[in-house]
Amino acid sequence: MSRIQTVFDKLKQHKRKALIPFFTAGDPDPKLTVPLLHALVEAGADVIELGVPFSDPMADGPTIQRASERALKHGVALHDVLDMVAAFRKKDVSTPIVLMGYGNPIEAMGWETFAKRCAEAGVDGVLTVDFPPEESHEAFAHLDKHGIDPIFLLAPTSTDARMERVAKQARGYVYYVSLKGVTGAGNLDLSAIAEKIPQLRKHIKLPIGVGFGIHDAATALAVAKLCDGVVVGSRIVQEIENSTEQNVVAKVSKLVKELRQAVDKA
């Protein structure tokens, strides 16, 4: 059983919802990535999505784009991100880590090498934004070989056929993008999410996490009532951007604790 499945099974047993924070590896400085990972866990994160810096993050809004730019200025590459996960694993062997990013850096490393390195470092899942399920079978076969969960996105525009395909290939959980557009854009339409989730559940037996547009504790609570997990990315990255290197860990911890308290009310 994977770490991701173990976490969701325990949460279900205790009738709790998952809190899944995201931030970009290497932002604001590579030396702070591992401390931030540990701080997120201490603040109540159940699963962590760790962004791999990329020069053209097409699905991300300005906030996360700037995070990638800051990390790339420090020279952070995919192999560095894997080293950061390995360093995190020296103290934490139970919190699932999902790498979230784009296909180019993985293609450059090679999927077979990447999957092997993921397993060695302690990565639990991979979400490749620009690899739809129709085009990812061969690539994700390497992940399967090493026990890494492929995580897929579904959106408000996803058809029943797409949901069925994702249901066949996904493991761990499915990430539902709650609004059209890029990360951090627009306001959530909770009624639209409430209407879509039952349609998703007809096809998806895995836990469903909802992200994009969750800016505060109140929104996190409202979304948590509708799904199995709440993904918060741009708001956390915004907190990192507005902090100093001296207080960033403390400020992010405070924010995630507030989100944890809200999600636990669901």
C-alpha atoms as a PDB file:
ATOM      1  CA  MET A   1       0.000   0.000   0.000  1.00  0.00           C
ATOM      2  CA  SER A   2       1.368   3.414  -0.963  1.00  0.00           C
ATOM      3  CA  ARG A   3       1.919   6.214   1.521  1.00  0.00           C
ATOM      4  CA  ILE A   4      -0.783   8.231  -0.246  1.00  0.00           C
ATOM      5  CA  GLN A   5      -3.379   5.486   0.087  1.00  0.00           C
ATOM      6  CA  THR A   6      -2.381   4.918   3.712  1.00  0.00           C
ATOM      7  CA  VAL A   7      -2.937   8.590   4.534  1.00  0.00           C
ATOM      8  CA  PHE A   8      -6.334   8.782   2.843  1.00  0.00           C
ATOM      9  CA  ASP A   9      -7.453   5.514   4.458  1.00  0.00           C
ATOM     10  CA  LYS A  10      -6.567   6.841   7.916  1.00  0.00           C
ATOM     11  CA  LEU A  11      -8.316  10.135   7.226  1.00  0.00           C
ATOM     12  CA  LYS A  12     -11.450   8.337   6.067  1.00  0.00           C
ATOM     13  CA  GLN A  13     -11.387   6.164   9.166  1.00  0.00           C
ATOM     14  CA  HIS A  14     -11.351   9.294  11.332  1.00  0.00           C
ATOM     15  CA  LYS A  15     -13.833  11.153   9.100  1.00  0.00           C
ATOM     16  CA  ARG A  16     -11.322  13.881   8.289  1.00  0.00           C
ATOM     17  CA  LYS A  17     -10.377  15.597   5.046  1.00  0.00           C
ATOM     18  CA  ALA A  18      -6.867  15.940   3.619  1.00  0.00           C
ATOM     19  CA  LEU A  19      -4.986  19.210   3.557  1.00  0.00           C
ATOM     20  CA  ILE A  20      -2.602  19.258   0.594  1.00  0.00           C
ATOM     21  CA  PRO A  21      -0.369  22.358   0.449  1.00  0.00           C
ATOM     22  CA  PHE A  22       1.792  23.197  -2.555  1.00  0.00           C
ATOM     23  CA  PHE A  23       4.925  25.279  -2.944  1.00  0.00           C
ATOM     24  CA  THR A  24       7.754  25.438  -5.447  1.00  0.00           C
ATOM     25  CA  ALA A  25      11.034  23.741  -4.562  1.00  0.00           C
ATOM     26  CA  GLY A  26      13.875  26.244  -4.253  1.00  0.00           C
ATOM     27  CA  ASP A  27      11.582  29.199  -3.462  1.00  0.00           C
ATOM     28  CA  PRO A  28      12.543  31.499  -1.848  1.00  0.00           C
ATOM     29  CA  ASP A  29      15.931  29.796  -1.434  1.00  0.00           C
ATOM     30  CA  PRO A  30      17.017  26.150  -1.891  1.00  0.00           C
ATOM     31  CA  LYS A  31      18.250  25.906   1.684  1.00  0.00           C
ATOM     32  CA  LEU A  32      14.717  26.612   2.948  1.00  0.00           C
ATOM     33  CA  THR A  33      12.883  23.907   1.001  1.00  0.00           C
ATOM     34  CA  VAL A  34      13.472  21.057   3.458  1.00  0.00           C
ATOM     35  CA  PRO A  35      12.691  23.231   6.530  1.00  0.00           C
ATOM     36  CA  LEU A  36       9.474  24.347   4.811  1.00  0.00           C
ATOM     37  CA  LEU A  37       8.516  20.735   4.082  1.00  0.00           C
ATOM     38  CA  HIS A  38       8.930  19.804   7.748  1.00  0.00           C
ATOM     39  CA  ALA A  39       7.073  22.937   8.844  1.00  0.00           C
ATOM     40  CA  LEU A  40       4.116  22.060   6.614  1.00  0.00           C
ATOM     41  CA  VAL A  41       3.902  18.623   8.200  1.00  0.00           C
ATOM     42  CA  GLU A  42       4.083  20.045  11.708  1.00  0.00           C
ATOM     43  CA  ALA A  43       1.356  22.541  10.806  1.00  0.00           C
ATOM     44  CA  GLY A  44      -0.998  19.783   9.685  1.00  0.00           C
ATOM     45  CA  ALA A  45      -0.306  18.890   6.039  1.00  0.00           C
ATOM     46  CA  ASP A  46      -1.375  15.365   5.100  1.00  0.00           C
ATOM     47  CA  VAL A  47       0.187  15.264   1.619  1.00  0.00           C
ATOM     48  CA  ILE A  48       2.578  17.829   0.108  1.00  0.00           C
ATOM     49  CA  GLU A  49       2.732  18.786  -3.551  1.00  0.00           C
ATOM     50  CA  LEU A  50       6.214  20.048  -4.345  1.00  0.00           C
ATOM     51  CA  GLY A  51       6.545  22.069  -7.519  1.00  0.00           C
ATOM     52  CA  VAL A  52       9.439  21.440  -9.899  1.00  0.00           C
ATOM     53  CA  PRO A  53      10.620  24.841 -11.234  1.00  0.00           C
ATOM     54  CA  PHE A  54      10.002  25.311 -14.935  1.00  0.00           C
ATOM     55  CA  SER A  55      10.548  28.241 -17.280  1.00  0.00           C
ATOM     56  CA  ASP A  56       7.112  28.066 -18.916  1.00  0.00           C
ATOM     57  CA  PRO A  57       4.536  26.903 -16.358  1.00  0.00           C
ATOM     58  CA  MET A  58       1.512  27.293 -18.612  1.00  0.00           C
ATOM     59  CA  ALA A  59      -1.130  26.197 -16.107  1.00  0.00           C
ATOM     60  CA  ASP A  60       0.103  28.530 -13.382  1.00  0.00           C
ATOM     61  CA  GLY A  61      -0.853  32.113 -12.713  1.00  0.00           C
ATOM     62  CA  PRO A  62       1.574  34.969 -12.006  1.00  0.00           C
ATOM     63  CA  THR A  63       2.161  34.033  -8.351  1.00  0.00           C
ATOM     64  CA  ILE A  64       3.484  30.544  -9.042  1.00  0.00           C
ATOM     65  CA  GLN A  65       5.220  31.707 -12.215  1.00  0.00           C
ATOM     66  CA  ARG A  66       7.254  34.113 -10.096  1.00  0.00           C
ATOM     67  CA  ALA A  67       8.059  31.298  -7.666  1.00  0.00           C
ATOM     68  CA  SER A  68       9.500  29.259 -10.528  1.00  0.00           C
ATOM     69  CA  GLU A  69      11.511  32.257 -11.678  1.00  0.00           C
ATOM     70  CA  ARG A  70      12.970  32.762  -8.196  1.00  0.00           C
ATOM     71  CA  ALA A  71      13.901  29.086  -7.922  1.00  0.00           C
ATOM     72  CA  LEU A  72      15.441  29.006 -11.397  1.00  0.00           C
ATOM     73  CA  LYS A  73      17.576  32.039 -10.535  1.00  0.00           C
ATOM     74  CA  HIS A  74      19.090  29.836  -7.826  1.00  0.00           C
ATOM     75  CA  GLY A  75      19.785  27.185 -10.462  1.00  0.00           C
ATOM     76  CA  VAL A  76      17.320  24.673  -9.024  1.00  0.00           C
ATOM     77  CA  ALA A  77      16.791  21.759 -11.427  1.00  0.00           C
ATOM     78  CA  LEU A  78      14.897  18.479 -11.256  1.00  0.00           C
ATOM     79  CA  HIS A  79      17.823  16.565  -9.776  1.00  0.00           C
ATOM     80  CA  ASP A  80      18.070  19.166  -7.001  1.00  0.00           C
ATOM     81  CA  VAL A  81      14.368  18.718  -6.193  1.00  0.00           C
ATOM     82  CA  LEU A  82      14.878  14.967  -5.886  1.00  0.00           C
ATOM     83  CA  ASP A  83      17.836  15.588  -3.565  1.00  0.00           C
ATOM     84  CA  MET A  84      15.609  17.825  -1.423  1.00  0.00           C
ATOM     85  CA  VAL A  85      13.015  15.064  -1.097  1.00  0.00           C
ATOM     86  CA  ALA A  86      15.747  12.610  -0.128  1.00  0.00           C
ATOM     87  CA  ALA A  87      16.958  15.030   2.559  1.00  0.00           C
ATOM     88  CA  PHE A  88      13.379  15.399   3.852  1.00  0.00           C
ATOM     89  CA  ARG A  89      13.053  11.616   4.063  1.00  0.00           C
ATOM     90  CA  LYS A  90      15.950  11.391   6.525  1.00  0.00           C
ATOM     91  CA  LYS A  91      13.540  12.598   9.219  1.00  0.00           C
ATOM     92  CA  ASP A  92      10.089  11.983   7.755  1.00  0.00           C
ATOM     93  CA  VAL A  93       9.298   8.567   6.305  1.00  0.00           C
ATOM     94  CA  SER A  94       5.504   8.785   6.345  1.00  0.00           C
ATOM     95  CA  THR A  95       4.266  12.053   4.760  1.00  0.00           C
ATOM     96  CA  PRO A  96       3.533  11.581   1.048  1.00  0.00           C
ATOM     97  CA  ILE A  97       5.346  13.874  -1.387  1.00  0.00           C
ATOM     98  CA  VAL A  98       3.925  14.462  -4.860  1.00  0.00           C
ATOM     99  CA  LEU A  99       6.088  16.168  -7.463  1.00  0.00           C
ATOM    100  CA  MET A 100       4.053  18.576  -9.572  1.00  0.00           C
ATOM    101  CA  GLY A 101       5.379  20.071 -12.763  1.00  0.00           C
ATOM    102  CA  TYR A 102       5.781  19.776 -16.510  1.00  0.00           C
ATOM    103  CA  GLY A 103       7.100  17.177 -18.887  1.00  0.00           C
ATOM    104  CA  ASN A 104      10.208  18.868 -20.303  1.00  0.00           C
ATOM    105  CA  PRO A 105      12.539  18.427 -17.293  1.00  0.00           C
ATOM    106  CA  ILE A 106      11.474  14.796 -16.964  1.00  0.00           C
ATOM    107  CA  GLU A 107      11.927  14.140 -20.678  1.00  0.00           C
ATOM    108  CA  ALA A 108      15.422  15.640 -20.425  1.00  0.00           C
ATOM    109  CA  MET A 109      16.303  13.293 -17.561  1.00  0.00           C
ATOM    110  CA  GLY A 110      14.531  10.342 -19.156  1.00  0.00           C
ATOM    111  CA  TRP A 111      11.429   8.723 -17.657  1.00  0.00           C
ATOM    112  CA  GLU A 112      13.176   5.524 -16.653  1.00  0.00           C
ATOM    113  CA  THR A 113      15.940   7.397 -14.810  1.00  0.00           C
ATOM    114  CA  PHE A 114      13.418   9.811 -13.326  1.00  0.00           C
ATOM    115  CA  ALA A 115      11.206   7.047 -11.945  1.00  0.00           C
ATOM    116  CA  LYS A 116      14.187   5.266 -10.436  1.00  0.00           C
ATOM    117  CA  ARG A 117      15.419   8.491  -8.832  1.00  0.00           C
ATOM    118  CA  CYS A 118      11.933   9.213  -7.490  1.00  0.00           C
ATOM    119  CA  ALA A 119      11.794   5.817  -5.810  1.00  0.00           C
ATOM    120  CA  GLU A 120      15.266   6.257  -4.340  1.00  0.00           C
ATOM    121  CA  ALA A 121      14.450   9.742  -3.027  1.00  0.00           C
ATOM    122  CA  GLY A 122      11.098   8.776  -1.520  1.00  0.00           C
ATOM    123  CA  VAL A 123       8.682  10.472  -3.933  1.00  0.00           C
ATOM    124  CA  ASP A 124       5.178   9.004  -3.751  1.00  0.00           C
ATOM    125  CA  GLY A 125       3.359  10.552  -6.709  1.00  0.00           C
ATOM    126  CA  VAL A 126       3.930  12.569  -9.868  1.00  0.00           C
ATOM    127  CA  LEU A 127       1.519  15.065 -11.431  1.00  0.00           C
ATOM    128  CA  THR A 128       2.672  16.189 -14.861  1.00  0.00           C
ATOM    129  CA  VAL A 129       0.395  19.029 -15.926  1.00  0.00           C
ATOM    130  CA  ASP A 130       1.023  18.770 -19.661  1.00  0.00           C
ATOM    131  CA  PHE A 131       0.853  14.962 -19.905  1.00  0.00           C
ATOM    132  CA  PRO A 132      -2.812  14.053 -20.399  1.00  0.00           C
ATOM    133  CA  PRO A 133      -3.785  10.419 -19.842  1.00  0.00           C
ATOM    134  CA  GLU A 134      -4.124   9.822 -23.595  1.00  0.00           C
ATOM    135  CA  GLU A 135      -0.405  10.511 -24.059  1.00  0.00           C
ATOM    136  CA  SER A 136       1.141   9.267 -20.848  1.00  0.00           C
ATOM    137  CA  HIS A 137       0.768   5.481 -20.823  1.00  0.00           C
ATOM    138  CA  GLU A 138       4.348   4.677 -21.842  1.00  0.00           C
ATOM    139  CA  ALA A 139       5.854   7.374 -19.610  1.00  0.00           C
ATOM    140  CA  PHE A 140       3.860   6.390 -16.553  1.00  0.00           C
ATOM    141  CA  ALA A 141       4.641   2.714 -17.063  1.00  0.00           C
ATOM    142  CA  HIS A 142       8.068   3.579 -15.657  1.00  0.00           C
ATOM    143  CA  LEU A 143       6.415   5.083 -12.575  1.00  0.00           C
ATOM    144  CA  ASP A 144       4.298   1.959 -12.128  1.00  0.00           C
ATOM    145  CA  LYS A 145       7.429  -0.164 -12.220  1.00  0.00           C
ATOM    146  CA  HIS A 146       8.795   1.732  -9.227  1.00  0.00           C
ATOM    147  CA  GLY A 147       5.548   2.074  -7.290  1.00  0.00           C
ATOM    148  CA  ILE A 148       5.074   5.801  -7.927  1.00  0.00           C
ATOM    149  CA  ASP A 149       1.443   6.979  -8.140  1.00  0.00           C
ATOM    150  CA  PRO A 150       0.479   8.875 -11.310  1.00  0.00           C
ATOM    151  CA  ILE A 151      -1.804  11.785 -10.340  1.00  0.00           C
ATOM    152  CA  PHE A 152      -4.088  13.293 -12.986  1.00  0.00           C
ATOM    153  CA  LEU A 153      -6.057  16.502 -13.331  1.00  0.00           C
ATOM    154  CA  LEU A 154      -9.728  16.793 -14.143  1.00  0.00           C
ATOM    155  CA  ALA A 155     -11.482  20.087 -14.866  1.00  0.00           C
ATOM    156  CA  PRO A 156     -14.967  21.602 -15.151  1.00  0.00           C
ATOM    157  CA  THR A 157     -14.803  20.877 -18.881  1.00  0.00           C
ATOM    158  CA  SER A 158     -13.815  17.201 -18.474  1.00  0.00           C
ATOM    159  CA  THR A 159     -16.120  14.790 -20.261  1.00  0.00           C
ATOM    160  CA  ASP A 160     -17.354  11.448 -18.969  1.00  0.00           C
ATOM    161  CA  ALA A 161     -14.969   9.764 -21.407  1.00  0.00           C
ATOM    162  CA  ARG A 162     -12.003  11.659 -19.926  1.00  0.00           C
ATOM    163  CA  MET A 163     -13.123  10.780 -16.396  1.00  0.00           C
ATOM    164  CA  GLU A 164     -13.301   7.099 -17.327  1.00  0.00           C
ATOM    165  CA  ARG A 165      -9.816   7.190 -18.820  1.00  0.00           C
ATOM    166  CA  VAL A 166      -8.374   8.921 -15.753  1.00  0.00           C
ATOM    167  CA  ALA A 167     -10.142   6.411 -13.505  1.00  0.00           C
ATOM    168  CA  LYS A 168      -8.315   3.573 -15.278  1.00  0.00           C
ATOM    169  CA  GLN A 169      -4.843   5.145 -15.051  1.00  0.00           C
ATOM    170  CA  ALA A 170      -4.753   7.246 -11.894  1.00  0.00           C
ATOM    171  CA  ARG A 171      -3.617   6.126  -8.481  1.00  0.00           C
ATOM    172  CA  GLY A 172      -3.319   7.906  -5.136  1.00  0.00           C
ATOM    173  CA  TYR A 173      -5.911  10.615  -5.723  1.00  0.00           C
ATOM    174  CA  VAL A 174      -7.369  12.728  -8.515  1.00  0.00           C
ATOM    175  CA  TYR A 175      -6.897  16.506  -8.570  1.00  0.00           C
ATOM    176  CA  TYR A 176     -10.010  18.381  -9.622  1.00  0.00           C
ATOM    177  CA  VAL A 177      -9.228  21.847 -10.969  1.00  0.00           C
ATOM    178  CA  SER A 178     -12.163  23.805  -9.594  1.00  0.00           C
ATOM    179  CA  LEU A 179     -12.226  26.620 -12.147  1.00  0.00           C
ATOM    180  CA  LYS A 180     -11.288  27.388 -15.724  1.00  0.00           C
ATOM    181  CA  GLY A 181      -7.988  29.228 -16.114  1.00  0.00           C
ATOM    182  CA  VAL A 182      -4.664  29.230 -14.332  1.00  0.00           C
ATOM    183  CA  THR A 183      -3.771  28.785 -10.673  1.00  0.00           C
ATOM    184  CA  GLY A 184      -4.800  31.635  -8.419  1.00  0.00           C
ATOM    185  CA  ALA A 185      -7.290  33.003 -10.949  1.00  0.00           C
ATOM    186  CA  GLY A 186     -10.889  33.959 -10.351  1.00  0.00           C
ATOM    187  CA  ASN A 187     -13.298  33.215  -7.552  1.00  0.00           C
ATOM    188  CA  LEU A 188     -14.604  29.798  -6.676  1.00  0.00           C
ATOM    189  CA  ASP A 189     -18.134  28.872  -7.635  1.00  0.00           C
ATOM    190  CA  LEU A 190     -18.963  26.465  -4.832  1.00  0.00           C
ATOM    191  CA  SER A 191     -22.277  25.506  -6.386  1.00  0.00           C
ATOM    192  CA  ALA A 192     -20.497  24.452  -9.565  1.00  0.00           C
ATOM    193  CA  ILE A 193     -18.088  22.269  -7.548  1.00  0.00           C
ATOM    194  CA  ALA A 194     -20.988  20.743  -5.634  1.00  0.00           C
ATOM    195  CA  GLU A 195     -22.668  19.922  -8.923  1.00  0.00           C
ATOM    196  CA  LYS A 196     -19.550  18.413 -10.512  1.00  0.00           C
ATOM    197  CA  ILE A 197     -18.319  16.194  -7.665  1.00  0.00           C
ATOM    198  CA  PRO A 198     -21.198  13.661  -7.924  1.00  0.00           C
ATOM    199  CA  GLN A 199     -20.485  13.314 -11.654  1.00  0.00           C
ATOM    200  CA  LEU A 200     -16.821  12.673 -10.861  1.00  0.00           C
ATOM    201  CA  ARG A 201     -17.697  10.108  -8.220  1.00  0.00           C
ATOM    202  CA  LYS A 202     -19.651   8.059 -10.759  1.00  0.00           C
ATOM    203  CA  HIS A 203     -16.316   7.297 -12.410  1.00  0.00           C
ATOM    204  CA  ILE A 204     -13.591   7.996  -9.845  1.00  0.00           C
ATOM    205  CA  LYS A 205     -13.207   5.641  -6.894  1.00  0.00           C
ATOM    206  CA  LEU A 206     -10.004   7.291  -5.684  1.00  0.00           C
ATOM    207  CA  PRO A 207     -10.080  10.259  -3.269  1.00  0.00           C
ATOM    208  CA  ILE A 208     -10.772  13.575  -4.983  1.00  0.00           C
ATOM    209  CA  GLY A 209      -8.758  16.654  -4.051  1.00  0.00           C
ATOM    210  CA  VAL A 210      -9.965  20.087  -5.140  1.00  0.00           C
ATOM    211  CA  GLY A 211      -7.628  22.996  -5.850  1.00  0.00           C
ATOM    212  CA  PHE A 212      -7.212  26.314  -7.715  1.00  0.00           C
ATOM    213  CA  GLY A 213      -8.729  29.409  -6.129  1.00  0.00           C
ATOM    214  CA  ILE A 214      -8.681  28.451  -2.437  1.00  0.00           C
ATOM    215  CA  HIS A 215      -7.461  31.656  -0.807  1.00  0.00           C
ATOM    216  CA  ASP A 216      -8.421  31.469   2.874  1.00  0.00           C
ATOM    217  CA  ALA A 217      -9.692  29.313   5.713  1.00  0.00           C
ATOM    218  CA  ALA A 218     -13.348  29.977   4.947  1.00  0.00           C
ATOM    219  CA  THR A 219     -12.978  28.806   1.363  1.00  0.00           C
ATOM    220  CA  ALA A 220     -10.948  25.786   2.477  1.00  0.00           C
ATOM    221  CA  LEU A 221     -13.761  24.792   4.856  1.00  0.00           C
ATOM    222  CA  ALA A 222     -16.439  25.196   2.192  1.00  0.00           C
ATOM    223  CA  VAL A 223     -14.493  23.102  -0.327  1.00  0.00           C
ATOM    224  CA  ALA A 224     -13.567  20.436   2.250  1.00  0.00           C
ATOM    225  CA  LYS A 225     -17.255  19.740   2.789  1.00  0.00           C
ATOM    226  CA  LEU A 226     -17.552  18.723  -0.864  1.00  0.00           C
ATOM    227  CA  CYS A 227     -14.529  16.470  -1.451  1.00  0.00           C
ATOM    228  CA  ASP A 228     -11.791  14.357   0.138  1.00  0.00           C
ATOM    229  CA  GLY A 229      -8.934  16.847   0.126  1.00  0.00           C
ATOM    230  CA  VAL A 230      -8.203  20.546  -0.256  1.00  0.00           C
ATOM    231  CA  VAL A 231      -5.205  21.651  -2.326  1.00  0.00           C
ATOM    232  CA  VAL A 232      -3.820  25.112  -1.535  1.00  0.00           C
ATOM    233  CA  GLY A 233      -1.026  26.451  -3.717  1.00  0.00           C
ATOM    234  CA  SER A 234      -1.058  30.094  -4.803  1.00  0.00           C
ATOM    235  CA  ARG A 235      -2.037  31.353  -1.337  1.00  0.00           C
ATOM    236  CA  ILE A 236       0.929  29.591   0.255  1.00  0.00           C
ATOM    237  CA  VAL A 237       3.310  30.745  -2.479  1.00  0.00           C
ATOM    238  CA  GLN A 238       1.990  34.283  -1.986  1.00  0.00           C
ATOM    239  CA  GLU A 239       2.852  34.027   1.706  1.00  0.00           C
ATOM    240  CA  ILE A 240       6.366  32.902   0.784  1.00  0.00           C
ATOM    241  CA  GLU A 241       6.727  35.798  -1.642  1.00  0.00           C
ATOM    242  CA  ASN A 242       5.644  38.329   0.986  1.00  0.00           C
ATOM    243  CA  SER A 243       7.959  36.972   3.686  1.00  0.00           C
ATOM    244  CA  THR A 244      11.637  37.331   4.448  1.00  0.00           C
ATOM    245  CA  GLU A 245      14.011  34.407   4.617  1.00  0.00           C
ATOM    246  CA  GLN A 246      14.085  34.922   8.380  1.00  0.00           C
ATOM    247  CA  ASN A 247      10.334  34.665   8.961  1.00  0.00           C
ATOM    248  CA  VAL A 248       9.052  32.640   5.991  1.00  0.00           C
ATOM    249  CA  VAL A 249       8.890  29.311   7.825  1.00  0.00           C
ATOM    250  CA  ALA A 250       6.977  30.818  10.729  1.00  0.00           C
ATOM    251  CA  LYS A 251       4.531  32.706   8.481  1.00  0.00           C
ATOM    252  CA  VAL A 252       3.804  29.705   6.275  1.00  0.00           C
ATOM    253  CA  SER A 253       3.336  27.536   9.364  1.00  0.00           C
ATOM    254  CA  LYS A 254       0.803  29.990  10.769  1.00  0.00           C
ATOM    255  CA  LEU A 255      -1.171  30.033   7.518  1.00  0.00           C
ATOM    256  CA  VAL A 256      -1.239  26.251   7.189  1.00  0.00           C
ATOM    257  CA  LYS A 257      -2.355  25.834  10.806  1.00  0.00           C
ATOM    258  CA  GLU A 258      -5.285  28.153  10.081  1.00  0.00           C
ATOM    259  CA  LEU A 259      -6.154  26.101   7.001  1.00  0.00           C
ATOM    260  CA  ARG A 260      -5.853  22.869   8.991  1.00  0.00           C
ATOM    261  CA  GLN A 261      -8.248  24.140  11.652  1.00  0.00           C
ATOM    262  CA  ALA A 262     -10.739  25.131   8.956  1.00  0.00           C
ATOM    263  CA  VAL A 263     -10.560  21.834   7.063  1.00  0.00           C
ATOM    264  CA  ASP A 264     -11.059  19.919  10.317  1.00  0.00           C
ATOM    265  CA  LYS A 265     -14.424  21.619  10.777  1.00  0.00           C
ATOM    266  CA  ALA A 266     -15.739  20.035   7.590  1.00  0.00           C
END
